[in-house]
Amino acid sequence: MGASATVGEIWMEFAETRHPDLREKLITAYASLVRFVVGRLGIPPTSLLEAEDLVSYGMIGLINAIDRFDPSRGIRFEAFATPRIRGAVIDQLRSLNWLPRSAVSRVRQIEATLADLEQRLGRPAKEAEVVAELGISVERYRQVLLEVSATILSLDAPLCSLTQDDEVTSLGDLLEDQNMQGPAEEVEQQELEASLSAAIERLPEREQLLLSLYYQEELTMKEISKIMSISESRVCQLHMQAIMRLRGALSAYRSDTAQVTNLKKRSTSRSTGIKGAAKLRAVAGSRRTVRQRVS
């Protein structure tokens, strides 16, 4: 990327002048960051999208980050730009809307099956058990995981839906600090984080290792495949399966929470209704007493 002092000088001058030539130098200097971020997204090699297309989408995020970055704030540019590069790629993938409804339906079916089997068995379901429950072959199951991995392979994906218009919590949101929260939101956030942590601990050891290497060690799918001695496509499949387990577990948690909330609301409403009826009866009784005294 060049000497950090040189890049730092370019940043300071660009912050003052916003000169296009300096902007181009910064884009060139950080082009390798885009390739690194795209590589970590883990888009499978069988995807319909070319790697260079994804890099182009990431460059849009890089340019946006360069235009918005303020070096005087003391934040590393890499930390500032990475989520914007990743977000630009994911937004473009969703805007393409190439995943058919049938594939979305299969994903939801697999998520529900994984969650149901884990609840019945008291442990994460094995691959053979999942395919038996779904009534498909192992080869077809793995192919489905690859087909959908480009869309929901990341923790940045929505928790409960694949539709672009839904604004729901993502798994990644649960790992980030949320500022300016009220007491109720903070408690809910803590409960979600605890639920996610418990769901991760229930994963098979191999899937826990994969997530640790990917999200904590920040290795690429190719690097993980060498460490785990499996193919890169198999890493994508296992990653997809782990994410679907977590999505299923958290969806079940949110469903249970919603049921408890509804029960509390109905209980409160019933209590309010009983109190209201008692007040009406008391008022009616007092009116009868007054009429009797007048007569």
C-alpha atoms as a PDB file:
ATOM      1  CA  MET A   1       0.000   0.000   0.000  1.00  0.00           C
ATOM      2  CA  GLY A   2       3.090   2.195   0.173  1.00  0.00           C
ATOM      3  CA  ALA A   3       4.715   3.934   3.099  1.00  0.00           C
ATOM      4  CA  SER A   4       2.188   4.902   5.751  1.00  0.00           C
ATOM      5  CA  ALA A   5       3.764   8.362   6.048  1.00  0.00           C
ATOM      6  CA  THR A   6       3.154   8.978   2.346  1.00  0.00           C
ATOM      7  CA  VAL A   7      -0.460   7.850   2.579  1.00  0.00           C
ATOM      8  CA  GLY A   8      -0.875   9.991   5.695  1.00  0.00           C
ATOM      9  CA  GLU A   9       0.413  13.051   3.856  1.00  0.00           C
ATOM     10  CA  ILE A  10      -1.955  12.363   0.965  1.00  0.00           C
ATOM     11  CA  TRP A  11      -4.835  12.122   3.417  1.00  0.00           C
ATOM     12  CA  MET A  12      -4.033  15.429   5.070  1.00  0.00           C
ATOM     13  CA  GLU A  13      -3.718  17.229   1.747  1.00  0.00           C
ATOM     14  CA  PHE A  14      -6.873  15.569   0.362  1.00  0.00           C
ATOM     15  CA  ALA A  15      -8.835  16.585   3.473  1.00  0.00           C
ATOM     16  CA  GLU A  16      -7.924  20.213   2.783  1.00  0.00           C
ATOM     17  CA  THR A  17      -8.165  20.365  -1.011  1.00  0.00           C
ATOM     18  CA  ARG A  18     -10.406  17.414  -2.053  1.00  0.00           C
ATOM     19  CA  HIS A  19      -8.325  17.306  -5.236  1.00  0.00           C
ATOM     20  CA  PRO A  20      -9.399  14.564  -7.704  1.00  0.00           C
ATOM     21  CA  ASP A  21      -5.802  13.453  -8.326  1.00  0.00           C
ATOM     22  CA  LEU A  22      -5.269  12.829  -4.603  1.00  0.00           C
ATOM     23  CA  ARG A  23      -8.557  10.940  -4.504  1.00  0.00           C
ATOM     24  CA  GLU A  24      -7.328   8.649  -7.270  1.00  0.00           C
ATOM     25  CA  LYS A  25      -4.090   8.019  -5.381  1.00  0.00           C
ATOM     26  CA  LEU A  26      -6.043   6.986  -2.285  1.00  0.00           C
ATOM     27  CA  ILE A  27      -8.269   4.675  -4.332  1.00  0.00           C
ATOM     28  CA  THR A  28      -5.186   3.008  -5.785  1.00  0.00           C
ATOM     29  CA  ALA A  29      -3.525   2.777  -2.371  1.00  0.00           C
ATOM     30  CA  TYR A  30      -6.507   0.993  -0.804  1.00  0.00           C
ATOM     31  CA  ALA A  31      -7.535  -1.195  -3.749  1.00  0.00           C
ATOM     32  CA  SER A  32      -6.002  -4.221  -2.006  1.00  0.00           C
ATOM     33  CA  LEU A  33      -8.345  -3.625   0.951  1.00  0.00           C
ATOM     34  CA  VAL A  34     -11.334  -4.115  -1.365  1.00  0.00           C
ATOM     35  CA  ARG A  35      -9.999  -7.457  -2.575  1.00  0.00           C
ATOM     36  CA  PHE A  36      -9.373  -8.540   1.011  1.00  0.00           C
ATOM     37  CA  VAL A  37     -12.916  -7.659   2.121  1.00  0.00           C
ATOM     38  CA  VAL A  38     -14.484  -9.309  -0.934  1.00  0.00           C
ATOM     39  CA  GLY A  39     -12.387 -12.422  -0.335  1.00  0.00           C
ATOM     40  CA  ARG A  40     -13.673 -12.631   3.238  1.00  0.00           C
ATOM     41  CA  LEU A  41     -17.292 -12.448   2.096  1.00  0.00           C
ATOM     42  CA  GLY A  42     -16.862 -16.037   0.978  1.00  0.00           C
ATOM     43  CA  ILE A  43     -18.799 -15.893  -2.279  1.00  0.00           C
ATOM     44  CA  PRO A  44     -18.524 -19.509  -3.501  1.00  0.00           C
ATOM     45  CA  PRO A  45     -16.535 -20.310  -6.637  1.00  0.00           C
ATOM     46  CA  THR A  46     -19.651 -21.778  -8.271  1.00  0.00           C
ATOM     47  CA  SER A  47     -21.493 -18.460  -8.024  1.00  0.00           C
ATOM     48  CA  LEU A  48     -22.945 -16.896 -11.177  1.00  0.00           C
ATOM     49  CA  LEU A  49     -21.058 -13.714 -10.310  1.00  0.00           C
ATOM     50  CA  GLU A  50     -17.469 -13.114 -11.364  1.00  0.00           C
ATOM     51  CA  ALA A  51     -14.960 -12.137  -8.712  1.00  0.00           C
ATOM     52  CA  GLU A  52     -14.129  -8.919 -10.568  1.00  0.00           C
ATOM     53  CA  ASP A  53     -17.805  -7.893 -10.488  1.00  0.00           C
ATOM     54  CA  LEU A  54     -17.743  -8.166  -6.713  1.00  0.00           C
ATOM     55  CA  VAL A  55     -14.525  -6.137  -6.556  1.00  0.00           C
ATOM     56  CA  SER A  56     -16.205  -3.443  -8.668  1.00  0.00           C
ATOM     57  CA  TYR A  57     -19.105  -3.296  -6.226  1.00  0.00           C
ATOM     58  CA  GLY A  58     -16.606  -3.055  -3.373  1.00  0.00           C
ATOM     59  CA  MET A  59     -14.815  -0.169  -5.085  1.00  0.00           C
ATOM     60  CA  ILE A  60     -18.048   1.816  -4.888  1.00  0.00           C
ATOM     61  CA  GLY A  61     -17.978   1.359  -1.127  1.00  0.00           C
ATOM     62  CA  LEU A  62     -14.285   2.318  -1.002  1.00  0.00           C
ATOM     63  CA  ILE A  63     -14.884   5.550  -2.923  1.00  0.00           C
ATOM     64  CA  ASN A  64     -17.786   6.408  -0.634  1.00  0.00           C
ATOM     65  CA  ALA A  65     -15.581   5.770   2.398  1.00  0.00           C
ATOM     66  CA  ILE A  66     -12.767   7.964   1.044  1.00  0.00           C
ATOM     67  CA  ASP A  67     -15.178  10.832   0.416  1.00  0.00           C
ATOM     68  CA  ARG A  68     -16.629  10.568   3.927  1.00  0.00           C
ATOM     69  CA  PHE A  69     -13.482   9.843   5.938  1.00  0.00           C
ATOM     70  CA  ASP A  70     -12.125  12.495   8.305  1.00  0.00           C
ATOM     71  CA  PRO A  71      -8.488  11.718   9.245  1.00  0.00           C
ATOM     72  CA  SER A  72      -8.591  14.259  12.081  1.00  0.00           C
ATOM     73  CA  ARG A  73     -10.902  12.002  14.119  1.00  0.00           C
ATOM     74  CA  GLY A  74      -8.086   9.538  14.800  1.00  0.00           C
ATOM     75  CA  ILE A  75      -9.862   6.482  13.364  1.00  0.00           C
ATOM     76  CA  ARG A  76      -7.992   3.999  11.168  1.00  0.00           C
ATOM     77  CA  PHE A  77      -9.266   4.237   7.607  1.00  0.00           C
ATOM     78  CA  GLU A  78      -9.324   0.447   7.231  1.00  0.00           C
ATOM     79  CA  ALA A  79     -11.734   0.154  10.172  1.00  0.00           C
ATOM     80  CA  PHE A  80     -13.896   2.949   8.743  1.00  0.00           C
ATOM     81  CA  ALA A  81     -13.949   1.614   5.184  1.00  0.00           C
ATOM     82  CA  THR A  82     -14.369  -2.141   5.723  1.00  0.00           C
ATOM     83  CA  PRO A  83     -18.085  -2.138   6.678  1.00  0.00           C
ATOM     84  CA  ARG A  84     -18.849   0.277   3.827  1.00  0.00           C
ATOM     85  CA  ILE A  85     -17.075  -1.908   1.279  1.00  0.00           C
ATOM     86  CA  ARG A  86     -18.829  -5.002   2.589  1.00  0.00           C
ATOM     87  CA  GLY A  87     -22.173  -3.215   2.681  1.00  0.00           C
ATOM     88  CA  ALA A  88     -21.808  -1.994  -0.908  1.00  0.00           C
ATOM     89  CA  VAL A  89     -21.203  -5.553  -2.151  1.00  0.00           C
ATOM     90  CA  ILE A  90     -24.130  -6.994  -0.177  1.00  0.00           C
ATOM     91  CA  ASP A  91     -26.454  -4.186  -1.337  1.00  0.00           C
ATOM     92  CA  GLN A  92     -25.551  -4.859  -4.965  1.00  0.00           C
ATOM     93  CA  LEU A  93     -26.113  -8.603  -4.542  1.00  0.00           C
ATOM     94  CA  ARG A  94     -29.554  -7.966  -3.083  1.00  0.00           C
ATOM     95  CA  SER A  95     -30.444  -5.432  -5.784  1.00  0.00           C
ATOM     96  CA  LEU A  96     -29.733  -8.045  -8.467  1.00  0.00           C
ATOM     97  CA  ASN A  97     -32.558 -10.115  -6.944  1.00  0.00           C
ATOM     98  CA  TRP A  98     -31.335 -13.207  -8.789  1.00  0.00           C
ATOM     99  CA  LEU A  99     -32.311 -15.680  -6.071  1.00  0.00           C
ATOM    100  CA  PRO A 100     -35.674 -17.227  -7.105  1.00  0.00           C
ATOM    101  CA  ARG A 101     -38.591 -17.588  -4.702  1.00  0.00           C
ATOM    102  CA  SER A 102     -38.166 -21.355  -4.755  1.00  0.00           C
ATOM    103  CA  ALA A 103     -34.627 -20.967  -3.378  1.00  0.00           C
ATOM    104  CA  VAL A 104     -35.856 -18.620  -0.651  1.00  0.00           C
ATOM    105  CA  SER A 105     -38.485 -21.209   0.245  1.00  0.00           C
ATOM    106  CA  ARG A 106     -35.825 -23.942   0.451  1.00  0.00           C
ATOM    107  CA  VAL A 107     -33.708 -21.814   2.774  1.00  0.00           C
ATOM    108  CA  ARG A 108     -36.610 -21.253   5.135  1.00  0.00           C
ATOM    109  CA  GLN A 109     -37.440 -24.960   5.007  1.00  0.00           C
ATOM    110  CA  ILE A 110     -33.860 -25.908   5.905  1.00  0.00           C
ATOM    111  CA  GLU A 111     -33.714 -23.358   8.724  1.00  0.00           C
ATOM    112  CA  ALA A 112     -36.968 -24.646  10.185  1.00  0.00           C
ATOM    113  CA  THR A 113     -35.795 -28.253   9.846  1.00  0.00           C
ATOM    114  CA  LEU A 114     -32.485 -27.556  11.584  1.00  0.00           C
ATOM    115  CA  ALA A 115     -34.254 -25.770  14.450  1.00  0.00           C
ATOM    116  CA  ASP A 116     -36.902 -28.509  14.784  1.00  0.00           C
ATOM    117  CA  LEU A 117     -34.351 -31.339  14.791  1.00  0.00           C
ATOM    118  CA  GLU A 118     -32.170 -29.606  17.371  1.00  0.00           C
ATOM    119  CA  GLN A 119     -35.175 -29.125  19.633  1.00  0.00           C
ATOM    120  CA  ARG A 120     -36.215 -32.780  19.283  1.00  0.00           C
ATOM    121  CA  LEU A 121     -32.742 -34.284  19.523  1.00  0.00           C
ATOM    122  CA  GLY A 122     -31.340 -31.905  22.129  1.00  0.00           C
ATOM    123  CA  ARG A 123     -28.198 -31.388  20.004  1.00  0.00           C
ATOM    124  CA  PRO A 124     -27.212 -30.041  16.576  1.00  0.00           C
ATOM    125  CA  ALA A 125     -28.571 -32.263  13.813  1.00  0.00           C
ATOM    126  CA  LYS A 126     -26.088 -34.205  11.703  1.00  0.00           C
ATOM    127  CA  GLU A 127     -26.066 -33.766   7.958  1.00  0.00           C
ATOM    128  CA  ALA A 128     -27.497 -37.254   7.386  1.00  0.00           C
ATOM    129  CA  GLU A 129     -30.376 -36.485   9.762  1.00  0.00           C
ATOM    130  CA  VAL A 130     -31.138 -33.194   8.014  1.00  0.00           C
ATOM    131  CA  VAL A 131     -31.273 -34.684   4.520  1.00  0.00           C
ATOM    132  CA  ALA A 132     -33.403 -37.578   5.777  1.00  0.00           C
ATOM    133  CA  GLU A 133     -35.889 -35.131   7.275  1.00  0.00           C
ATOM    134  CA  LEU A 134     -35.906 -33.025   4.089  1.00  0.00           C
ATOM    135  CA  GLY A 135     -36.155 -36.066   1.838  1.00  0.00           C
ATOM    136  CA  ILE A 136     -33.264 -35.051  -0.418  1.00  0.00           C
ATOM    137  CA  SER A 137     -29.780 -36.396  -1.123  1.00  0.00           C
ATOM    138  CA  VAL A 138     -26.619 -35.143   0.553  1.00  0.00           C
ATOM    139  CA  GLU A 139     -25.380 -33.855  -2.812  1.00  0.00           C
ATOM    140  CA  ARG A 140     -28.575 -31.847  -3.368  1.00  0.00           C
ATOM    141  CA  TYR A 141     -28.459 -30.453   0.171  1.00  0.00           C
ATOM    142  CA  ARG A 142     -24.882 -29.244  -0.271  1.00  0.00           C
ATOM    143  CA  GLN A 143     -25.724 -27.752  -3.642  1.00  0.00           C
ATOM    144  CA  VAL A 144     -28.574 -25.750  -2.092  1.00  0.00           C
ATOM    145  CA  LEU A 145     -26.181 -24.391   0.531  1.00  0.00           C
ATOM    146  CA  LEU A 146     -23.834 -23.216  -2.219  1.00  0.00           C
ATOM    147  CA  GLU A 147     -26.645 -21.710  -4.298  1.00  0.00           C
ATOM    148  CA  VAL A 148     -27.854 -19.455  -1.505  1.00  0.00           C
ATOM    149  CA  SER A 149     -24.543 -18.730   0.224  1.00  0.00           C
ATOM    150  CA  ALA A 150     -23.799 -15.646  -1.897  1.00  0.00           C
ATOM    151  CA  THR A 151     -26.923 -13.987  -0.529  1.00  0.00           C
ATOM    152  CA  ILE A 152     -27.052 -14.973   3.141  1.00  0.00           C
ATOM    153  CA  LEU A 153     -23.616 -16.355   3.883  1.00  0.00           C
ATOM    154  CA  SER A 154     -22.759 -13.413   6.108  1.00  0.00           C
ATOM    155  CA  LEU A 155     -23.756 -12.394   9.603  1.00  0.00           C
ATOM    156  CA  ASP A 156     -24.814  -9.133   7.965  1.00  0.00           C
ATOM    157  CA  ALA A 157     -27.827 -10.850   6.450  1.00  0.00           C
ATOM    158  CA  PRO A 158     -31.316 -10.301   7.913  1.00  0.00           C
ATOM    159  CA  LEU A 159     -32.190 -12.572  10.804  1.00  0.00           C
ATOM    160  CA  CYS A 160     -35.710 -13.610   9.859  1.00  0.00           C
ATOM    161  CA  SER A 161     -36.128 -12.825   6.175  1.00  0.00           C
ATOM    162  CA  LEU A 162     -34.323 -12.785   2.861  1.00  0.00           C
ATOM    163  CA  THR A 163     -36.508 -10.092   1.325  1.00  0.00           C
ATOM    164  CA  GLN A 164     -34.738  -6.844   0.598  1.00  0.00           C
ATOM    165  CA  ASP A 165     -37.457  -4.545   1.920  1.00  0.00           C
ATOM    166  CA  ASP A 166     -37.707  -6.059   5.385  1.00  0.00           C
ATOM    167  CA  GLU A 167     -35.851  -4.084   8.043  1.00  0.00           C
ATOM    168  CA  VAL A 168     -35.074  -6.649  10.721  1.00  0.00           C
ATOM    169  CA  THR A 169     -32.174  -7.359  13.017  1.00  0.00           C
ATOM    170  CA  SER A 170     -29.201  -9.157  11.501  1.00  0.00           C
ATOM    171  CA  LEU A 171     -26.924 -11.569  13.325  1.00  0.00           C
ATOM    172  CA  GLY A 172     -24.099  -9.108  12.906  1.00  0.00           C
ATOM    173  CA  ASP A 173     -26.130  -6.392  14.632  1.00  0.00           C
ATOM    174  CA  LEU A 174     -26.099  -8.509  17.782  1.00  0.00           C
ATOM    175  CA  LEU A 175     -22.301  -8.407  17.871  1.00  0.00           C
ATOM    176  CA  GLU A 176     -22.004  -4.630  17.575  1.00  0.00           C
ATOM    177  CA  ASP A 177     -22.290  -2.017  20.309  1.00  0.00           C
ATOM    178  CA  GLN A 178     -25.567  -0.136  20.045  1.00  0.00           C
ATOM    179  CA  ASN A 179     -25.368   3.414  21.387  1.00  0.00           C
ATOM    180  CA  MET A 180     -28.142   5.537  22.864  1.00  0.00           C
ATOM    181  CA  GLN A 181     -30.281   2.622  23.994  1.00  0.00           C
ATOM    182  CA  GLY A 182     -33.028   2.888  26.546  1.00  0.00           C
ATOM    183  CA  PRO A 183     -33.228   0.441  29.473  1.00  0.00           C
ATOM    184  CA  ALA A 184     -35.746  -1.838  27.728  1.00  0.00           C
ATOM    185  CA  GLU A 185     -33.728  -1.939  24.487  1.00  0.00           C
ATOM    186  CA  GLU A 186     -30.525  -2.610  26.419  1.00  0.00           C
ATOM    187  CA  VAL A 187     -32.088  -5.556  28.254  1.00  0.00           C
ATOM    188  CA  GLU A 188     -33.440  -6.940  24.976  1.00  0.00           C
ATOM    189  CA  GLN A 189     -30.012  -6.544  23.356  1.00  0.00           C
ATOM    190  CA  GLN A 190     -28.354  -8.420  26.209  1.00  0.00           C
ATOM    191  CA  GLU A 191     -30.884 -11.237  25.965  1.00  0.00           C
ATOM    192  CA  LEU A 192     -30.331 -11.525  22.200  1.00  0.00           C
ATOM    193  CA  GLU A 193     -26.561 -11.599  22.666  1.00  0.00           C
ATOM    194  CA  ALA A 194     -26.893 -14.294  25.328  1.00  0.00           C
ATOM    195  CA  SER A 195     -29.165 -16.302  23.023  1.00  0.00           C
ATOM    196  CA  LEU A 196     -26.684 -15.975  20.145  1.00  0.00           C
ATOM    197  CA  SER A 197     -23.784 -17.001  22.403  1.00  0.00           C
ATOM    198  CA  ALA A 198     -25.692 -20.060  23.590  1.00  0.00           C
ATOM    199  CA  ALA A 199     -26.594 -20.982  20.003  1.00  0.00           C
ATOM    200  CA  ILE A 200     -22.927 -20.762  18.962  1.00  0.00           C
ATOM    201  CA  GLU A 201     -21.876 -22.988  21.869  1.00  0.00           C
ATOM    202  CA  ARG A 202     -24.378 -25.633  20.699  1.00  0.00           C
ATOM    203  CA  LEU A 203     -22.842 -25.766  17.212  1.00  0.00           C
ATOM    204  CA  PRO A 204     -20.683 -28.769  16.264  1.00  0.00           C
ATOM    205  CA  GLU A 205     -17.014 -28.197  17.077  1.00  0.00           C
ATOM    206  CA  ARG A 206     -16.015 -28.000  13.414  1.00  0.00           C
ATOM    207  CA  GLU A 207     -18.542 -25.243  12.743  1.00  0.00           C
ATOM    208  CA  GLN A 208     -17.451 -23.370  15.873  1.00  0.00           C
ATOM    209  CA  LEU A 209     -13.854 -23.531  14.647  1.00  0.00           C
ATOM    210  CA  LEU A 210     -14.857 -22.294  11.210  1.00  0.00           C
ATOM    211  CA  LEU A 211     -16.738 -19.290  12.625  1.00  0.00           C
ATOM    212  CA  SER A 212     -13.821 -18.486  14.930  1.00  0.00           C
ATOM    213  CA  LEU A 213     -11.326 -18.566  12.065  1.00  0.00           C
ATOM    214  CA  TYR A 214     -13.584 -16.474   9.853  1.00  0.00           C
ATOM    215  CA  TYR A 215     -14.918 -13.836  12.243  1.00  0.00           C
ATOM    216  CA  GLN A 216     -12.251 -13.629  14.936  1.00  0.00           C
ATOM    217  CA  GLU A 217      -9.072 -14.518  13.062  1.00  0.00           C
ATOM    218  CA  GLU A 218     -10.432 -12.853   9.882  1.00  0.00           C
ATOM    219  CA  LEU A 219      -9.137 -15.563   7.569  1.00  0.00           C
ATOM    220  CA  THR A 220     -10.465 -16.022   4.048  1.00  0.00           C
ATOM    221  CA  MET A 221     -12.388 -19.117   2.945  1.00  0.00           C
ATOM    222  CA  LYS A 222      -9.322 -20.286   1.027  1.00  0.00           C
ATOM    223  CA  GLU A 223      -7.086 -19.983   4.099  1.00  0.00           C
ATOM    224  CA  ILE A 224      -9.645 -21.793   6.248  1.00  0.00           C
ATOM    225  CA  SER A 225      -9.877 -24.613   3.721  1.00  0.00           C
ATOM    226  CA  LYS A 226      -6.136 -25.248   4.084  1.00  0.00           C
ATOM    227  CA  ILE A 227      -6.287 -25.246   7.881  1.00  0.00           C
ATOM    228  CA  MET A 228      -9.289 -27.591   8.002  1.00  0.00           C
ATOM    229  CA  SER A 229      -8.007 -29.751   5.116  1.00  0.00           C
ATOM    230  CA  ILE A 230     -11.255 -29.484   3.131  1.00  0.00           C
ATOM    231  CA  SER A 231     -12.176 -27.825  -0.141  1.00  0.00           C
ATOM    232  CA  GLU A 232     -13.081 -24.147  -0.313  1.00  0.00           C
ATOM    233  CA  SER A 233     -16.577 -25.001  -1.496  1.00  0.00           C
ATOM    234  CA  ARG A 234     -16.998 -27.321   1.510  1.00  0.00           C
ATOM    235  CA  VAL A 235     -15.991 -24.451   3.795  1.00  0.00           C
ATOM    236  CA  CYS A 236     -18.745 -22.357   2.186  1.00  0.00           C
ATOM    237  CA  GLN A 237     -21.259 -25.152   2.745  1.00  0.00           C
ATOM    238  CA  LEU A 238     -20.338 -25.622   6.409  1.00  0.00           C
ATOM    239  CA  HIS A 239     -20.368 -21.866   6.975  1.00  0.00           C
ATOM    240  CA  MET A 240     -23.796 -21.599   5.390  1.00  0.00           C
ATOM    241  CA  GLN A 241     -25.070 -24.472   7.522  1.00  0.00           C
ATOM    242  CA  ALA A 242     -23.735 -22.851  10.712  1.00  0.00           C
ATOM    243  CA  ILE A 243     -25.341 -19.509   9.858  1.00  0.00           C
ATOM    244  CA  MET A 244     -28.651 -21.215   9.105  1.00  0.00           C
ATOM    245  CA  ARG A 245     -28.502 -23.006  12.466  1.00  0.00           C
ATOM    246  CA  LEU A 246     -27.982 -19.655  14.203  1.00  0.00           C
ATOM    247  CA  ARG A 247     -30.732 -17.959  12.207  1.00  0.00           C
ATOM    248  CA  GLY A 248     -33.125 -20.774  13.060  1.00  0.00           C
ATOM    249  CA  ALA A 249     -32.235 -20.658  16.746  1.00  0.00           C
ATOM    250  CA  LEU A 250     -32.636 -16.878  16.989  1.00  0.00           C
ATOM    251  CA  SER A 251     -35.842 -16.902  14.973  1.00  0.00           C
ATOM    252  CA  ALA A 252     -37.231 -19.415  17.488  1.00  0.00           C
ATOM    253  CA  TYR A 253     -36.063 -17.173  20.326  1.00  0.00           C
ATOM    254  CA  ARG A 254     -37.777 -14.126  18.825  1.00  0.00           C
ATOM    255  CA  SER A 255     -40.947 -16.124  18.268  1.00  0.00           C
ATOM    256  CA  ASP A 256     -40.974 -17.296  21.890  1.00  0.00           C
ATOM    257  CA  THR A 257     -40.319 -13.745  23.093  1.00  0.00           C
ATOM    258  CA  ALA A 258     -43.189 -12.424  20.971  1.00  0.00           C
ATOM    259  CA  GLN A 259     -45.548 -15.051  22.426  1.00  0.00           C
ATOM    260  CA  VAL A 260     -44.578 -14.092  25.982  1.00  0.00           C
ATOM    261  CA  THR A 261     -45.097 -10.409  25.161  1.00  0.00           C
ATOM    262  CA  ASN A 262     -48.540 -11.112  23.689  1.00  0.00           C
ATOM    263  CA  LEU A 263     -49.533 -13.127  26.766  1.00  0.00           C
ATOM    264  CA  LYS A 264     -48.474 -10.255  29.009  1.00  0.00           C
ATOM    265  CA  LYS A 265     -50.468  -7.798  26.907  1.00  0.00           C
ATOM    266  CA  ARG A 266     -53.568  -9.992  27.029  1.00  0.00           C
ATOM    267  CA  SER A 267     -53.142 -10.436  30.770  1.00  0.00           C
ATOM    268  CA  THR A 268     -52.799  -6.681  31.252  1.00  0.00           C
ATOM    269  CA  SER A 269     -55.784  -6.018  29.010  1.00  0.00           C
ATOM    270  CA  ARG A 270     -57.882  -8.560  30.894  1.00  0.00           C
ATOM    271  CA  SER A 271     -56.854  -7.076  34.245  1.00  0.00           C
ATOM    272  CA  THR A 272     -57.704  -3.592  33.008  1.00  0.00           C
ATOM    273  CA  GLY A 273     -61.055  -4.837  31.743  1.00  0.00           C
ATOM    274  CA  ILE A 274     -61.885  -6.458  35.091  1.00  0.00           C
ATOM    275  CA  LYS A 275     -60.970  -3.295  36.969  1.00  0.00           C
ATOM    276  CA  GLY A 276     -63.019  -1.207  34.543  1.00  0.00           C
ATOM    277  CA  ALA A 277     -66.035  -3.463  34.935  1.00  0.00           C
ATOM    278  CA  ALA A 278     -65.732  -3.257  38.713  1.00  0.00           C
ATOM    279  CA  LYS A 279     -65.655   0.532  38.548  1.00  0.00           C
ATOM    280  CA  LEU A 280     -68.746   0.588  36.318  1.00  0.00           C
ATOM    281  CA  ARG A 281     -70.604  -1.683  38.730  1.00  0.00           C
ATOM    282  CA  ALA A 282     -69.589   0.547  41.639  1.00  0.00           C
ATOM    283  CA  VAL A 283     -70.791   3.670  39.811  1.00  0.00           C
ATOM    284  CA  ALA A 284     -74.049   1.982  38.877  1.00  0.00           C
ATOM    285  CA  GLY A 285     -74.576   0.902  42.499  1.00  0.00           C
ATOM    286  CA  SER A 286     -73.951   4.386  43.813  1.00  0.00           C
ATOM    287  CA  ARG A 287     -76.430   5.841  41.332  1.00  0.00           C
ATOM    288  CA  ARG A 288     -79.116   3.395  42.447  1.00  0.00           C
ATOM    289  CA  THR A 289     -78.462   4.330  46.071  1.00  0.00           C
ATOM    290  CA  VAL A 290     -78.830   8.047  45.268  1.00  0.00           C
ATOM    291  CA  ARG A 291     -82.107   7.491  43.382  1.00  0.00           C
ATOM    292  CA  GLN A 292     -83.495   5.450  46.293  1.00  0.00           C
ATOM    293  CA  ARG A 293     -82.635   8.216  48.773  1.00  0.00           C
ATOM    294  CA  VAL A 294     -84.233  10.887  46.542  1.00  0.00           C
ATOM    295  CA  SER A 295     -87.447   8.865  46.156  1.00  0.00           C
END
